[in-house]
Amino acid sequence: MERARWTDERIDERMAAMDEKFERLFDEMHALRDEMRAGFAELRGEIVGVRTELGGEIAAVRTELGGGIAGVRTELGGEIIAFHRHVTLILAGLVVALIGLLGAAVAQL
């Protein structure tokens, strides 16, 4: 079998075919790059919207929690005052009872 010889015309044809394929590849790459840039720009816009919406939601939750915490503090403050009053009355009763016991002990002597 005889080996084909590469003539200048065949080399030129092959190089032209390669140039055409590379040109199509470069065109596809440029189109893909443009599509990606457009997609990223759209994604950035959506992220900004989500951040804005999320910021508003967080502010609303903080406001709601702040009001709830203030209410709990007020309610607990009243409960603590009532507890303090009960403890004071119990201790006062114990002091009176101890004084009575001491008085009884002194009276028996």
Protein backbone atom coordinates (compact mmCIF):
# COMPACT_ATOMS: atom_id res chain seq x y z
CA MET A 1 0.00 0.00 0.00
CA GLU A 2 1.35 3.29 -1.02
CA ARG A 3 1.48 6.14 1.44
CA ALA A 4 -0.40 9.32 0.46
CA ARG A 5 1.76 12.32 -0.02
CA TRP A 6 0.90 15.59 1.61
CA THR A 7 0.83 18.22 -1.03
CA ASP A 8 0.64 21.92 -0.34
CA GLU A 9 -3.01 21.89 -1.42
CA ARG A 10 -3.91 19.09 1.01
CA ILE A 11 -2.07 20.82 3.85
CA ASP A 12 -3.87 24.10 3.03
CA GLU A 13 -7.24 22.31 2.98
CA ARG A 14 -6.54 20.62 6.32
CA MET A 15 -5.40 23.90 7.90
CA ALA A 16 -8.49 25.70 6.54
CA ALA A 17 -10.73 22.98 8.05
CA MET A 18 -8.92 23.29 11.39
CA ASP A 19 -9.21 27.08 11.27
CA GLU A 20 -12.95 26.76 10.60
CA LYS A 21 -13.42 24.33 13.53
CA PHE A 22 -11.43 26.54 15.87
CA GLU A 23 -13.41 29.58 14.75
CA ARG A 24 -16.69 27.79 15.53
CA LEU A 25 -15.28 26.71 18.90
CA PHE A 26 -14.23 30.29 19.70
CA ASP A 27 -17.66 31.59 18.66
CA GLU A 28 -19.35 29.06 20.95
CA MET A 29 -17.02 30.01 23.80
CA HIS A 30 -17.80 33.72 23.34
CA ALA A 31 -21.53 32.99 23.25
CA LEU A 32 -21.24 30.87 26.39
CA ARG A 33 -19.23 33.59 28.12
CA ASP A 34 -21.86 36.21 27.21
CA GLU A 35 -24.65 33.90 28.42
CA MET A 36 -22.82 33.27 31.70
CA ARG A 37 -22.26 37.01 32.25
CA ALA A 38 -25.95 37.69 31.68
CA GLY A 39 -26.88 34.84 34.04
CA PHE A 40 -24.51 36.08 36.73
CA ALA A 41 -25.88 39.62 36.41
CA GLU A 42 -29.42 38.27 36.82
CA LEU A 43 -28.32 36.16 39.78
CA ARG A 44 -26.69 39.19 41.43
CA GLY A 45 -29.94 41.10 41.04
CA GLU A 46 -31.90 38.27 42.63
CA ILE A 47 -29.40 38.07 45.51
CA VAL A 48 -29.80 41.80 46.15
CA GLY A 49 -33.58 41.33 46.22
CA VAL A 50 -33.32 38.39 48.61
CA ARG A 51 -30.95 40.32 50.87
CA THR A 52 -33.35 43.26 50.97
CA GLU A 53 -36.33 41.03 51.70
CA LEU A 54 -34.40 39.07 54.32
CA GLY A 55 -33.25 42.28 55.97
CA GLY A 56 -36.86 43.44 56.26
CA GLU A 57 -37.93 40.09 57.70
CA ILE A 58 -35.10 40.13 60.23
CA ALA A 59 -36.03 43.66 61.30
CA ALA A 60 -39.66 42.59 61.75
CA VAL A 61 -38.62 39.56 63.83
CA ARG A 62 -36.34 41.75 65.98
CA THR A 63 -39.18 44.19 66.58
CA GLU A 64 -41.58 41.39 67.48
CA LEU A 65 -39.05 39.72 69.77
CA GLY A 66 -38.24 43.05 71.41
CA GLY A 67 -41.90 43.59 72.27
CA GLY A 68 -42.26 40.02 73.50
CA ILE A 69 -39.16 40.26 75.66
CA ALA A 70 -40.35 43.56 77.15
CA GLY A 71 -43.68 41.91 77.99
CA VAL A 72 -41.96 38.94 79.60
CA ARG A 73 -39.72 41.27 81.62
CA THR A 74 -42.74 43.20 82.85
CA GLU A 75 -44.57 40.00 83.73
CA LEU A 76 -41.54 38.49 85.44
CA GLY A 77 -40.92 41.74 87.29
CA GLY A 78 -44.40 41.53 88.82
CA GLU A 79 -43.89 37.86 89.68
CA ILE A 80 -40.54 38.57 91.31
CA ILE A 81 -42.03 41.37 93.40
CA ALA A 82 -44.83 39.06 94.55
CA PHE A 83 -42.33 36.29 95.34
CA HIS A 84 -40.19 38.78 97.29
CA ARG A 85 -43.24 39.88 99.26
CA HIS A 86 -44.14 36.25 100.15
CA VAL A 87 -40.58 35.44 101.22
CA THR A 88 -40.47 38.59 103.38
CA LEU A 89 -43.75 37.65 105.08
CA ILE A 90 -42.54 34.10 105.75
CA LEU A 91 -39.26 35.36 107.21
CA ALA A 92 -41.09 37.93 109.33
CA GLY A 93 -43.34 35.14 110.64
CA LEU A 94 -40.29 33.01 111.48
CA VAL A 95 -38.66 35.92 113.31
CA VAL A 96 -41.83 36.51 115.33
CA ALA A 97 -42.03 32.78 116.15
CA LEU A 98 -38.38 32.74 117.27
CA ILE A 99 -38.92 35.79 119.45
CA GLY A 100 -41.97 34.07 120.96
CA LEU A 101 -39.92 30.92 121.66
CA LEU A 102 -37.16 32.96 123.24
CA GLY A 103 -39.72 34.83 125.34
CA ALA A 104 -41.27 31.53 126.47
CA ALA A 105 -37.86 30.11 127.30
CA VAL A 106 -36.94 33.20 129.33
CA ALA A 107 -40.31 33.13 131.13
CA GLN A 108 -39.74 29.53 132.27
CA LEU A 109 -36.39 30.33 133.80
